[in-house]
Amino acid sequence: MHKLVLFVGALLVIGSTFSQSITQYEPEQLLNSERIFQQFGSYGIELINQENDFRQTSLYSESEQGRVTRTFASVMFLEPVNPGIEALHERILKGASIGSTFKADGWHIDKYGLLIDELEVKPTNQVYKLMQLQEAKSLALHLYLFSVSNASDPAKNYALIAELHHPDYMSIHDLNEIYAAQMDLSRGEGLQDQISKLLRQIKNL
């Protein structure tokens, strides 16, 4: 399988925080929740871990074997949270889906890609069990900056998100097909420490 790797080391040479107002929107991609429901006929979200500015969630579908994680998401919220989205942030901290919460409230969502790669998971890995895998697998990894905006508010950077996808749901080829055009390493400006920490966390589950 062809593998596109955008090395995180490239992020370490970039400088200060970037912000930009969005005036014209491209059509949004389907949310993971929507894709999972569309592909497997059901969708749910389970909060696995949450500590201050960090949380992990299982985005799952139901099967005869019970819940099968289709996307395991590690999220690092960018603090301080912008006052314009504090109410939505409180809902999310209580376990609500990030994308669905913002979309339902009328916000436009952008996922600025920082890394598309693969990560091998073994039977000792928490994700291996949640995804009910039968053998060690290389899972598609997508790390991106989650940003929201609307007609009256400029872009607000909300979180860094690293997602591992079940091989029956999303491959690295699928990620490249869907998100390669949204890769933008410049969006990692000023976030090098958070990006490195998030990658360490998802690699040591």
N, C-alpha and C. Protein backbone atom coordinates (compact mmCIF):
# COMPACT_ATOMS: atom_id res chain seq x y z
N MET A 1 0.85 -1.20 0.00
CA MET A 1 0.00 0.00 0.00
C MET A 1 0.88 1.24 0.00
N HIS A 2 0.52 2.18 -0.89
CA HIS A 2 1.28 3.42 -0.91
C HIS A 2 1.07 4.17 0.39
N LYS A 3 2.10 4.75 0.89
CA LYS A 3 2.04 5.41 2.21
C LYS A 3 2.60 6.81 2.10
N LEU A 4 1.77 7.79 2.44
CA LEU A 4 2.20 9.18 2.46
C LEU A 4 2.53 9.55 3.89
N VAL A 5 3.75 10.01 4.11
CA VAL A 5 4.16 10.41 5.46
C VAL A 5 4.60 11.86 5.41
N LEU A 6 3.96 12.69 6.20
CA LEU A 6 4.34 14.09 6.33
C LEU A 6 4.97 14.23 7.70
N PHE A 7 6.27 14.30 7.75
CA PHE A 7 7.00 14.18 9.00
C PHE A 7 6.71 15.35 9.94
N VAL A 8 6.45 15.00 11.19
CA VAL A 8 6.18 16.02 12.20
C VAL A 8 7.39 16.91 12.40
N GLY A 9 8.57 16.39 12.10
CA GLY A 9 9.77 17.22 12.22
C GLY A 9 9.68 18.49 11.41
N ALA A 10 8.94 18.44 10.31
CA ALA A 10 8.79 19.64 9.49
C ALA A 10 8.07 20.74 10.24
N LEU A 11 7.26 20.34 11.24
CA LEU A 11 6.52 21.34 12.01
C LEU A 11 7.42 22.11 12.96
N LEU A 12 8.55 21.54 13.32
CA LEU A 12 9.39 22.14 14.35
C LEU A 12 10.15 23.37 13.88
N VAL A 13 10.10 23.64 12.58
CA VAL A 13 10.80 24.80 12.07
C VAL A 13 9.88 25.99 11.85
N ILE A 14 8.61 25.82 12.22
CA ILE A 14 7.64 26.86 11.93
C ILE A 14 7.47 27.77 13.15
N GLY A 15 7.12 29.04 12.93
CA GLY A 15 7.12 30.05 13.97
C GLY A 15 5.84 30.25 14.73
N SER A 16 5.23 31.44 14.66
CA SER A 16 4.18 31.88 15.56
C SER A 16 2.79 31.49 15.09
N THR A 17 1.78 31.73 15.98
CA THR A 17 0.42 31.30 15.73
C THR A 17 -0.18 31.98 14.51
N PHE A 18 -0.97 31.19 13.75
CA PHE A 18 -1.57 31.68 12.53
C PHE A 18 -3.06 31.82 12.73
N SER A 19 -3.65 32.91 12.24
CA SER A 19 -5.10 33.04 12.28
C SER A 19 -5.57 33.67 10.98
N GLN A 20 -6.81 33.35 10.59
CA GLN A 20 -7.30 33.83 9.31
C GLN A 20 -8.81 33.87 9.35
N SER A 21 -9.40 34.92 8.79
CA SER A 21 -10.84 35.00 8.66
C SER A 21 -11.26 34.28 7.39
N ILE A 22 -12.35 33.55 7.46
CA ILE A 22 -12.85 32.83 6.31
C ILE A 22 -14.10 33.53 5.79
N THR A 23 -14.11 33.88 4.52
CA THR A 23 -15.26 34.58 3.95
C THR A 23 -16.03 33.70 2.98
N GLN A 24 -15.38 32.73 2.35
CA GLN A 24 -16.05 31.82 1.45
C GLN A 24 -15.70 30.40 1.87
N TYR A 25 -16.71 29.55 1.93
CA TYR A 25 -16.52 28.21 2.42
C TYR A 25 -16.54 27.19 1.30
N GLU A 26 -15.65 26.22 1.40
CA GLU A 26 -15.73 25.05 0.56
C GLU A 26 -16.78 24.10 1.16
N PRO A 27 -17.39 23.25 0.34
CA PRO A 27 -18.33 22.27 0.90
C PRO A 27 -17.65 21.42 1.97
N GLU A 28 -18.35 21.19 3.07
CA GLU A 28 -17.76 20.43 4.16
C GLU A 28 -17.74 18.94 3.87
N GLN A 29 -16.70 18.27 4.38
CA GLN A 29 -16.66 16.82 4.33
C GLN A 29 -17.66 16.27 5.34
N LEU A 30 -18.07 15.02 5.12
CA LEU A 30 -18.90 14.35 6.13
C LEU A 30 -18.11 14.25 7.43
N LEU A 31 -18.81 14.35 8.55
CA LEU A 31 -18.19 14.12 9.85
C LEU A 31 -17.94 12.62 10.02
N ASN A 32 -17.01 12.27 10.90
CA ASN A 32 -16.78 10.86 11.19
C ASN A 32 -18.07 10.18 11.65
N SER A 33 -18.82 10.86 12.49
CA SER A 33 -20.08 10.28 12.97
C SER A 33 -21.01 9.95 11.82
N GLU A 34 -21.07 10.85 10.83
CA GLU A 34 -21.94 10.64 9.67
C GLU A 34 -21.43 9.50 8.79
N ARG A 35 -20.11 9.46 8.60
CA ARG A 35 -19.52 8.39 7.78
C ARG A 35 -19.73 7.02 8.42
N ILE A 36 -19.51 6.95 9.73
CA ILE A 36 -19.66 5.68 10.44
C ILE A 36 -21.11 5.20 10.35
N PHE A 37 -22.05 6.08 10.59
CA PHE A 37 -23.46 5.70 10.51
C PHE A 37 -23.82 5.26 9.09
N GLN A 38 -23.31 6.01 8.11
CA GLN A 38 -23.59 5.70 6.71
C GLN A 38 -23.04 4.32 6.33
N GLN A 39 -21.86 3.98 6.84
CA GLN A 39 -21.20 2.74 6.45
C GLN A 39 -21.65 1.52 7.26
N PHE A 40 -21.94 1.74 8.55
CA PHE A 40 -22.23 0.59 9.42
C PHE A 40 -23.64 0.57 9.98
N GLY A 41 -24.41 1.62 9.74
CA GLY A 41 -25.81 1.62 10.14
C GLY A 41 -26.09 2.04 11.57
N SER A 42 -25.06 2.36 12.32
CA SER A 42 -25.25 2.84 13.69
C SER A 42 -24.03 3.67 14.08
N TYR A 43 -24.21 4.48 15.11
CA TYR A 43 -23.10 5.31 15.59
C TYR A 43 -23.33 5.67 17.05
N GLY A 44 -22.24 5.68 17.80
CA GLY A 44 -22.28 6.14 19.18
C GLY A 44 -20.92 6.68 19.57
N ILE A 45 -20.87 7.42 20.66
CA ILE A 45 -19.60 7.95 21.15
C ILE A 45 -19.46 7.62 22.64
N GLU A 46 -18.28 7.17 23.02
CA GLU A 46 -18.00 6.84 24.41
C GLU A 46 -16.76 7.60 24.88
N LEU A 47 -16.89 8.26 26.01
CA LEU A 47 -15.77 8.99 26.59
C LEU A 47 -14.88 7.98 27.31
N ILE A 48 -13.63 7.86 26.86
CA ILE A 48 -12.69 6.90 27.44
C ILE A 48 -11.86 7.54 28.54
N ASN A 49 -11.43 8.77 28.31
CA ASN A 49 -10.55 9.43 29.28
C ASN A 49 -10.67 10.94 29.07
N GLN A 50 -10.67 11.68 30.16
CA GLN A 50 -10.68 13.15 30.05
C GLN A 50 -9.94 13.76 31.23
N GLU A 51 -8.95 14.60 30.92
CA GLU A 51 -8.15 15.26 31.94
C GLU A 51 -7.84 16.68 31.48
N ASN A 52 -8.45 17.65 32.09
CA ASN A 52 -8.18 19.06 31.80
C ASN A 52 -8.33 19.35 30.31
N ASP A 53 -7.21 19.56 29.61
CA ASP A 53 -7.29 19.95 28.20
C ASP A 53 -7.18 18.77 27.25
N PHE A 54 -7.33 17.55 27.76
CA PHE A 54 -7.11 16.36 26.94
C PHE A 54 -8.24 15.37 27.14
N ARG A 55 -8.69 14.75 26.05
CA ARG A 55 -9.67 13.68 26.17
C ARG A 55 -9.49 12.65 25.07
N GLN A 56 -10.00 11.44 25.32
CA GLN A 56 -9.98 10.36 24.35
C GLN A 56 -11.39 9.80 24.24
N THR A 57 -11.82 9.56 23.02
CA THR A 57 -13.16 9.04 22.79
C THR A 57 -13.13 7.90 21.79
N SER A 58 -14.09 7.01 21.93
CA SER A 58 -14.33 5.93 20.98
C SER A 58 -15.57 6.28 20.18
N LEU A 59 -15.42 6.39 18.86
CA LEU A 59 -16.55 6.56 17.96
C LEU A 59 -16.85 5.17 17.41
N TYR A 60 -17.99 4.61 17.77
CA TYR A 60 -18.21 3.19 17.52
C TYR A 60 -19.51 2.93 16.75
N SER A 61 -19.59 1.73 16.23
CA SER A 61 -20.84 1.21 15.69
C SER A 61 -21.18 -0.06 16.46
N GLU A 62 -22.44 -0.46 16.40
CA GLU A 62 -22.88 -1.68 17.08
C GLU A 62 -22.81 -2.86 16.11
N SER A 63 -22.40 -4.03 16.64
CA SER A 63 -22.36 -5.24 15.83
C SER A 63 -22.83 -6.41 16.68
N GLU A 64 -22.84 -7.60 16.12
CA GLU A 64 -23.22 -8.77 16.89
C GLU A 64 -22.27 -9.00 18.05
N GLN A 65 -21.04 -8.51 17.90
CA GLN A 65 -20.02 -8.65 18.96
C GLN A 65 -20.06 -7.49 19.95
N GLY A 66 -21.01 -6.58 19.78
CA GLY A 66 -21.09 -5.42 20.65
C GLY A 66 -20.51 -4.18 19.99
N ARG A 67 -20.00 -3.28 20.78
CA ARG A 67 -19.45 -2.03 20.25
C ARG A 67 -18.09 -2.28 19.60
N VAL A 68 -17.95 -1.76 18.40
CA VAL A 68 -16.67 -1.83 17.69
C VAL A 68 -16.21 -0.40 17.40
N THR A 69 -15.07 -0.02 17.97
CA THR A 69 -14.54 1.33 17.73
C THR A 69 -14.13 1.47 16.27
N ARG A 70 -14.67 2.46 15.59
CA ARG A 70 -14.31 2.73 14.20
C ARG A 70 -13.28 3.86 14.11
N THR A 71 -13.35 4.79 15.04
CA THR A 71 -12.35 5.84 15.16
C THR A 71 -12.03 6.06 16.63
N PHE A 72 -10.76 6.00 16.96
CA PHE A 72 -10.31 6.35 18.31
C PHE A 72 -9.66 7.72 18.22
N ALA A 73 -10.23 8.68 18.93
CA ALA A 73 -9.77 10.06 18.83
C ALA A 73 -9.11 10.54 20.11
N SER A 74 -7.91 11.08 19.99
CA SER A 74 -7.23 11.76 21.09
C SER A 74 -7.29 13.25 20.79
N VAL A 75 -7.79 14.00 21.73
CA VAL A 75 -8.06 15.42 21.51
C VAL A 75 -7.31 16.27 22.52
N MET A 76 -6.64 17.32 22.05
CA MET A 76 -6.02 18.30 22.92
C MET A 76 -6.70 19.64 22.66
N PHE A 77 -7.48 20.10 23.62
CA PHE A 77 -8.16 21.38 23.48
C PHE A 77 -7.14 22.51 23.59
N LEU A 78 -7.29 23.52 22.74
CA LEU A 78 -6.37 24.66 22.74
C LEU A 78 -6.88 25.71 23.71
N GLU A 79 -6.11 25.99 24.72
CA GLU A 79 -6.51 26.94 25.75
C GLU A 79 -5.75 28.25 25.61
N PRO A 80 -6.39 29.37 26.03
CA PRO A 80 -7.75 29.43 26.56
C PRO A 80 -8.80 29.27 25.46
N VAL A 81 -9.94 28.68 25.81
CA VAL A 81 -11.02 28.49 24.85
C VAL A 81 -11.63 29.85 24.52
N ASN A 82 -11.85 30.09 23.24
CA ASN A 82 -12.42 31.36 22.81
C ASN A 82 -13.79 31.57 23.45
N PRO A 83 -14.05 32.78 24.02
CA PRO A 83 -15.33 33.03 24.70
C PRO A 83 -16.55 32.75 23.82
N GLY A 84 -16.40 32.91 22.49
CA GLY A 84 -17.53 32.71 21.59
C GLY A 84 -18.00 31.28 21.49
N ILE A 85 -17.20 30.34 21.97
CA ILE A 85 -17.59 28.93 21.87
C ILE A 85 -17.53 28.21 23.23
N GLU A 86 -17.50 28.98 24.29
CA GLU A 86 -17.40 28.38 25.63
C GLU A 86 -18.59 27.49 25.96
N ALA A 87 -19.80 27.93 25.57
CA ALA A 87 -21.00 27.13 25.89
C ALA A 87 -20.96 25.78 25.20
N LEU A 88 -20.52 25.77 23.94
CA LEU A 88 -20.41 24.51 23.21
C LEU A 88 -19.30 23.65 23.81
N HIS A 89 -18.23 24.30 24.24
CA HIS A 89 -17.12 23.57 24.86
C HIS A 89 -17.57 22.85 26.12
N GLU A 90 -18.44 23.47 26.90
CA GLU A 90 -18.94 22.84 28.11
C GLU A 90 -19.74 21.58 27.77
N ARG A 91 -20.51 21.62 26.70
CA ARG A 91 -21.27 20.44 26.28
C ARG A 91 -20.32 19.31 25.88
N ILE A 92 -19.28 19.69 25.15
CA ILE A 92 -18.31 18.70 24.68
C ILE A 92 -17.58 18.05 25.85
N LEU A 93 -17.25 18.84 26.86
CA LEU A 93 -16.58 18.30 28.04
C LEU A 93 -17.45 17.28 28.78
N LYS A 94 -18.76 17.36 28.57
CA LYS A 94 -19.68 16.41 29.21
C LYS A 94 -19.87 15.16 28.36
N GLY A 95 -19.14 15.09 27.22
CA GLY A 95 -19.18 13.87 26.42
C GLY A 95 -19.79 14.00 25.05
N ALA A 96 -20.25 15.20 24.67
CA ALA A 96 -20.86 15.37 23.35
C ALA A 96 -19.80 15.27 22.25
N SER A 97 -20.24 14.87 21.07
CA SER A 97 -19.37 14.79 19.91
C SER A 97 -18.93 16.19 19.49
N ILE A 98 -17.64 16.36 19.20
CA ILE A 98 -17.12 17.68 18.84
C ILE A 98 -17.73 18.17 17.54
N GLY A 99 -17.55 17.39 16.47
CA GLY A 99 -18.02 17.83 15.16
C GLY A 99 -19.52 18.05 15.12
N SER A 100 -20.28 17.09 15.65
CA SER A 100 -21.74 17.19 15.62
C SER A 100 -22.24 18.38 16.41
N THR A 101 -21.59 18.67 17.54
CA THR A 101 -22.01 19.79 18.38
C THR A 101 -21.85 21.12 17.65
N PHE A 102 -20.71 21.32 17.02
CA PHE A 102 -20.50 22.57 16.28
C PHE A 102 -21.38 22.65 15.04
N LYS A 103 -21.50 21.55 14.33
CA LYS A 103 -22.30 21.56 13.10
C LYS A 103 -23.76 21.86 13.40
N ALA A 104 -24.30 21.25 14.46
CA ALA A 104 -25.70 21.47 14.83
C ALA A 104 -25.95 22.92 15.24
N ASP A 105 -24.91 23.59 15.72
CA ASP A 105 -25.05 24.99 16.14
C ASP A 105 -24.76 25.96 14.99
N GLY A 106 -24.55 25.45 13.80
CA GLY A 106 -24.39 26.31 12.64
C GLY A 106 -22.97 26.75 12.31
N TRP A 107 -21.98 26.12 12.94
CA TRP A 107 -20.60 26.50 12.67
C TRP A 107 -20.05 25.73 11.48
N HIS A 108 -19.21 26.40 10.71
CA HIS A 108 -18.47 25.75 9.62
C HIS A 108 -17.21 25.13 10.21
N ILE A 109 -16.91 23.90 9.80
CA ILE A 109 -15.78 23.15 10.35
C ILE A 109 -14.69 23.00 9.30
N ASP A 110 -13.44 23.26 9.72
CA ASP A 110 -12.28 22.99 8.88
C ASP A 110 -11.33 22.07 9.63
N LYS A 111 -10.81 21.07 8.92
CA LYS A 111 -9.80 20.17 9.47
C LYS A 111 -8.51 20.39 8.69
N TYR A 112 -7.59 21.15 9.27
CA TYR A 112 -6.33 21.45 8.59
C TYR A 112 -5.32 20.36 8.92
N GLY A 113 -5.00 19.54 7.91
CA GLY A 113 -4.16 18.38 8.13
C GLY A 113 -2.72 18.72 8.45
N LEU A 114 -2.18 18.04 9.45
CA LEU A 114 -0.78 18.19 9.84
C LEU A 114 0.00 16.89 9.63
N LEU A 115 -0.72 15.76 9.60
CA LEU A 115 -0.03 14.48 9.42
C LEU A 115 -1.02 13.41 8.94
N ILE A 116 -0.63 12.68 7.92
CA ILE A 116 -1.31 11.46 7.51
C ILE A 116 -0.25 10.37 7.52
N ASP A 117 -0.51 9.30 8.27
CA ASP A 117 0.52 8.29 8.46
C ASP A 117 -0.16 6.98 8.84
N GLU A 118 0.62 5.99 9.24
CA GLU A 118 0.11 4.74 9.77
C GLU A 118 0.79 4.45 11.11
N LEU A 119 0.07 3.79 11.99
CA LEU A 119 0.62 3.42 13.30
C LEU A 119 0.23 1.98 13.59
N GLU A 120 1.21 1.14 13.87
CA GLU A 120 0.92 -0.25 14.18
C GLU A 120 0.43 -0.39 15.60
N VAL A 121 -0.65 -1.14 15.77
CA VAL A 121 -1.16 -1.42 17.11
C VAL A 121 -1.09 -2.92 17.36
N LYS A 122 -0.74 -3.28 18.57
CA LYS A 122 -0.56 -4.68 18.95
C LYS A 122 -1.59 -5.07 20.01
N PRO A 123 -1.69 -6.36 20.33
CA PRO A 123 -2.71 -6.81 21.29
C PRO A 123 -2.65 -6.12 22.65
N THR A 124 -1.50 -5.60 23.03
CA THR A 124 -1.40 -4.91 24.32
C THR A 124 -1.97 -3.50 24.28
N ASN A 125 -2.29 -3.02 23.09
CA ASN A 125 -2.76 -1.65 22.91
C ASN A 125 -4.25 -1.56 23.23
N GLN A 126 -4.65 -0.51 23.92
CA GLN A 126 -6.05 -0.29 24.27
C GLN A 126 -6.94 -0.25 23.02
N VAL A 127 -6.45 0.37 21.97
CA VAL A 127 -7.24 0.51 20.74
C VAL A 127 -7.49 -0.85 20.10
N TYR A 128 -6.53 -1.77 20.20
CA TYR A 128 -6.67 -3.12 19.65
C TYR A 128 -7.92 -3.79 20.22
N LYS A 129 -8.10 -3.65 21.50
CA LYS A 129 -9.25 -4.28 22.16
C LYS A 129 -10.55 -3.58 21.79
N LEU A 130 -10.54 -2.25 21.78
CA LEU A 130 -11.75 -1.51 21.46
C LEU A 130 -12.22 -1.75 20.02
N MET A 131 -11.26 -1.96 19.12
CA MET A 131 -11.61 -2.21 17.72
C MET A 131 -11.86 -3.69 17.43
N GLN A 132 -11.67 -4.54 18.44
CA GLN A 132 -11.85 -5.98 18.31
C GLN A 132 -11.02 -6.54 17.15
N LEU A 133 -9.78 -6.13 17.07
CA LEU A 133 -8.88 -6.63 16.03
C LEU A 133 -8.43 -8.04 16.38
N GLN A 134 -8.07 -8.80 15.38
CA GLN A 134 -7.66 -10.19 15.58
C GLN A 134 -6.15 -10.39 15.47
N GLU A 135 -5.46 -9.40 14.98
CA GLU A 135 -4.00 -9.47 14.84
C GLU A 135 -3.44 -8.05 14.80
N ALA A 136 -2.12 -7.95 14.98
CA ALA A 136 -1.49 -6.63 14.92
C ALA A 136 -1.78 -5.99 13.57
N LYS A 137 -2.12 -4.71 13.59
CA LYS A 137 -2.51 -4.00 12.37
C LYS A 137 -1.86 -2.63 12.34
N SER A 138 -1.60 -2.15 11.11
CA SER A 138 -1.19 -0.76 10.93
C SER A 138 -2.45 0.04 10.62
N LEU A 139 -2.78 0.96 11.51
CA LEU A 139 -4.00 1.74 11.38
C LEU A 139 -3.70 3.11 10.77
N ALA A 140 -4.63 3.59 9.99
CA ALA A 140 -4.51 4.93 9.41
C ALA A 140 -4.57 5.97 10.52
N LEU A 141 -3.63 6.91 10.50
CA LEU A 141 -3.54 7.97 11.50
C LEU A 141 -3.71 9.32 10.83
N HIS A 142 -4.60 10.12 11.38
CA HIS A 142 -4.86 11.47 10.85
C HIS A 142 -4.76 12.47 11.99
N LEU A 143 -3.82 13.40 11.89
CA LEU A 143 -3.67 14.45 12.90
C LEU A 143 -3.97 15.79 12.23
N TYR A 144 -4.85 16.56 12.85
CA TYR A 144 -5.26 17.82 12.21
C TYR A 144 -5.65 18.87 13.26
N LEU A 145 -5.68 20.11 12.79
CA LEU A 145 -6.16 21.24 13.59
C LEU A 145 -7.63 21.42 13.29
N PHE A 146 -8.46 21.36 14.32
CA PHE A 146 -9.90 21.54 14.18
C PHE A 146 -10.23 23.00 14.42
N SER A 147 -10.80 23.64 13.41
CA SER A 147 -11.10 25.07 13.48
C SER A 147 -12.54 25.30 13.07
N VAL A 148 -13.18 26.30 13.67
CA VAL A 148 -14.58 26.59 13.34
C VAL A 148 -14.73 28.08 13.03
N SER A 149 -15.76 28.39 12.27
CA SER A 149 -16.06 29.79 11.93
C SER A 149 -17.52 29.87 11.49
N ASN A 150 -18.04 31.09 11.46
CA ASN A 150 -19.36 31.31 10.87
C ASN A 150 -19.38 32.69 10.22
N ALA A 151 -20.52 33.10 9.73
CA ALA A 151 -20.61 34.33 8.96
C ALA A 151 -20.20 35.56 9.76
N SER A 152 -20.39 35.53 11.08
CA SER A 152 -20.09 36.70 11.90
C SER A 152 -18.82 36.56 12.73
N ASP A 153 -18.22 35.38 12.73
CA ASP A 153 -17.04 35.14 13.55
C ASP A 153 -15.88 34.63 12.70
N PRO A 154 -14.69 35.19 12.88
CA PRO A 154 -13.52 34.66 12.17
C PRO A 154 -13.16 33.28 12.69
N ALA A 155 -12.23 32.64 12.02
CA ALA A 155 -11.83 31.29 12.40
C ALA A 155 -11.34 31.24 13.84
N LYS A 156 -11.78 30.20 14.55
CA LYS A 156 -11.34 29.97 15.93
C LYS A 156 -10.73 28.58 15.98
N ASN A 157 -9.46 28.50 16.30
CA ASN A 157 -8.80 27.21 16.46
C ASN A 157 -9.24 26.60 17.77
N TYR A 158 -9.81 25.40 17.72
CA TYR A 158 -10.42 24.80 18.90
C TYR A 158 -9.61 23.65 19.50
N ALA A 159 -9.06 22.79 18.64
CA ALA A 159 -8.39 21.61 19.19
C ALA A 159 -7.44 20.99 18.17
N LEU A 160 -6.46 20.27 18.69
CA LEU A 160 -5.66 19.36 17.87
C LEU A 160 -6.25 17.97 18.07
N ILE A 161 -6.45 17.24 16.99
CA ILE A 161 -7.09 15.92 17.07
C ILE A 161 -6.25 14.90 16.31
N ALA A 162 -5.97 13.78 16.96
CA ALA A 162 -5.28 12.66 16.33
C ALA A 162 -6.23 11.48 16.34
N GLU A 163 -6.51 10.93 15.16
CA GLU A 163 -7.48 9.84 15.03
C GLU A 163 -6.83 8.59 14.46
N LEU A 164 -7.14 7.45 15.07
CA LEU A 164 -6.78 6.15 14.53
C LEU A 164 -8.07 5.49 14.04
N HIS A 165 -8.03 4.95 12.82
CA HIS A 165 -9.24 4.41 12.21
C HIS A 165 -9.18 2.89 12.04
N HIS A 166 -10.29 2.25 12.30
CA HIS A 166 -10.42 0.81 12.10
C HIS A 166 -10.16 0.48 10.63
N PRO A 167 -9.42 -0.60 10.34
CA PRO A 167 -9.10 -0.92 8.93
C PRO A 167 -10.33 -1.19 8.07
N ASP A 168 -11.45 -1.60 8.66
CA ASP A 168 -12.67 -1.81 7.88
C ASP A 168 -13.41 -0.50 7.61
N TYR A 169 -12.97 0.56 8.25
CA TYR A 169 -13.63 1.86 8.10
C TYR A 169 -12.83 2.81 7.22
N MET A 170 -11.54 3.02 7.55
CA MET A 170 -10.76 4.03 6.83
C MET A 170 -9.30 3.58 6.73
N SER A 171 -8.78 3.53 5.50
CA SER A 171 -7.38 3.19 5.26
C SER A 171 -6.58 4.47 5.02
N ILE A 172 -5.27 4.34 4.96
CA ILE A 172 -4.45 5.51 4.67
C ILE A 172 -4.74 6.02 3.25
N HIS A 173 -5.08 5.11 2.36
CA HIS A 173 -5.47 5.52 1.00
C HIS A 173 -6.74 6.38 1.06
N ASP A 174 -7.71 5.95 1.88
CA ASP A 174 -8.95 6.73 2.03
C ASP A 174 -8.65 8.12 2.59
N LEU A 175 -7.78 8.17 3.61
CA LEU A 175 -7.43 9.47 4.20
C LEU A 175 -6.83 10.40 3.16
N ASN A 176 -5.94 9.86 2.35
CA ASN A 176 -5.31 10.69 1.31
C ASN A 176 -6.33 11.17 0.29
N GLU A 177 -7.26 10.29 -0.08
CA GLU A 177 -8.29 10.66 -1.05
C GLU A 177 -9.17 11.78 -0.51
N ILE A 178 -9.51 11.69 0.76
CA ILE A 178 -10.47 12.63 1.34
C ILE A 178 -9.80 13.93 1.82
N TYR A 179 -8.61 13.80 2.46
CA TYR A 179 -8.06 14.94 3.19
C TYR A 179 -6.74 15.50 2.66
N ALA A 180 -6.12 14.88 1.66
CA ALA A 180 -4.81 15.36 1.21
C ALA A 180 -4.84 16.82 0.79
N ALA A 181 -5.94 17.25 0.19
CA ALA A 181 -6.04 18.63 -0.28
C ALA A 181 -6.11 19.62 0.88
N GLN A 182 -6.41 19.13 2.09
CA GLN A 182 -6.52 20.01 3.26
C GLN A 182 -5.26 20.02 4.12
N MET A 183 -4.21 19.35 3.64
CA MET A 183 -2.95 19.37 4.39
C MET A 183 -2.40 20.80 4.38
N ASP A 184 -2.01 21.28 5.55
CA ASP A 184 -1.48 22.65 5.66
C ASP A 184 -0.60 22.73 6.90
N LEU A 185 0.69 22.45 6.71
CA LEU A 185 1.61 22.43 7.85
C LEU A 185 1.75 23.80 8.51
N SER A 186 1.47 24.86 7.77
CA SER A 186 1.60 26.20 8.35
C SER A 186 0.62 26.40 9.51
N ARG A 187 -0.46 25.60 9.54
CA ARG A 187 -1.44 25.73 10.62
C ARG A 187 -0.90 25.19 11.95
N GLY A 188 0.24 24.53 11.90
CA GLY A 188 0.86 24.06 13.12
C GLY A 188 1.78 25.07 13.76
N GLU A 189 1.82 26.27 13.21
CA GLU A 189 2.69 27.31 13.76
C GLU A 189 2.38 27.58 15.23
N GLY A 190 3.40 27.52 16.05
CA GLY A 190 3.23 27.81 17.47
C GLY A 190 2.64 26.67 18.28
N LEU A 191 2.35 25.52 17.63
CA LEU A 191 1.71 24.41 18.33
C LEU A 191 2.61 23.18 18.39
N GLN A 192 3.91 23.38 18.18
CA GLN A 192 4.81 22.24 18.09
C GLN A 192 4.81 21.37 19.36
N ASP A 193 4.82 22.01 20.52
CA ASP A 193 4.86 21.26 21.78
C ASP A 193 3.59 20.43 21.96
N GLN A 194 2.43 21.03 21.66
CA GLN A 194 1.16 20.31 21.80
C GLN A 194 1.07 19.15 20.81
N ILE A 195 1.56 19.36 19.59
CA ILE A 195 1.52 18.31 18.58
C ILE A 195 2.38 17.13 19.01
N SER A 196 3.58 17.41 19.49
CA SER A 196 4.48 16.35 19.93
C SER A 196 3.88 15.58 21.10
N LYS A 197 3.28 16.29 22.04
CA LYS A 197 2.66 15.65 23.20
C LYS A 197 1.50 14.76 22.77
N LEU A 198 0.67 15.25 21.86
CA LEU A 198 -0.48 14.48 21.40
C LEU A 198 -0.05 13.20 20.68
N LEU A 199 1.00 13.30 19.88
CA LEU A 199 1.51 12.11 19.19
C LEU A 199 2.08 11.09 20.17
N ARG A 200 2.76 11.57 21.19
CA ARG A 200 3.28 10.64 22.21
C ARG A 200 2.14 9.90 22.91
N GLN A 201 1.06 10.63 23.17
CA GLN A 201 -0.05 10.03 23.88
C GLN A 201 -0.74 8.96 23.05
N ILE A 202 -0.93 9.23 21.76
CA ILE A 202 -1.65 8.26 20.94
C ILE A 202 -0.78 7.06 20.58
N LYS A 203 0.54 7.23 20.65
CA LYS A 203 1.45 6.11 20.36
C LYS A 203 1.68 5.23 21.59
N ASN A 204 1.23 5.69 22.74
CA ASN A 204 1.48 4.94 23.98
C ASN A 204 0.19 4.63 24.70
N LEU A 205 -0.79 4.17 23.96
CA LEU A 205 -2.10 3.87 24.55
C LEU A 205 -2.05 2.53 25.29
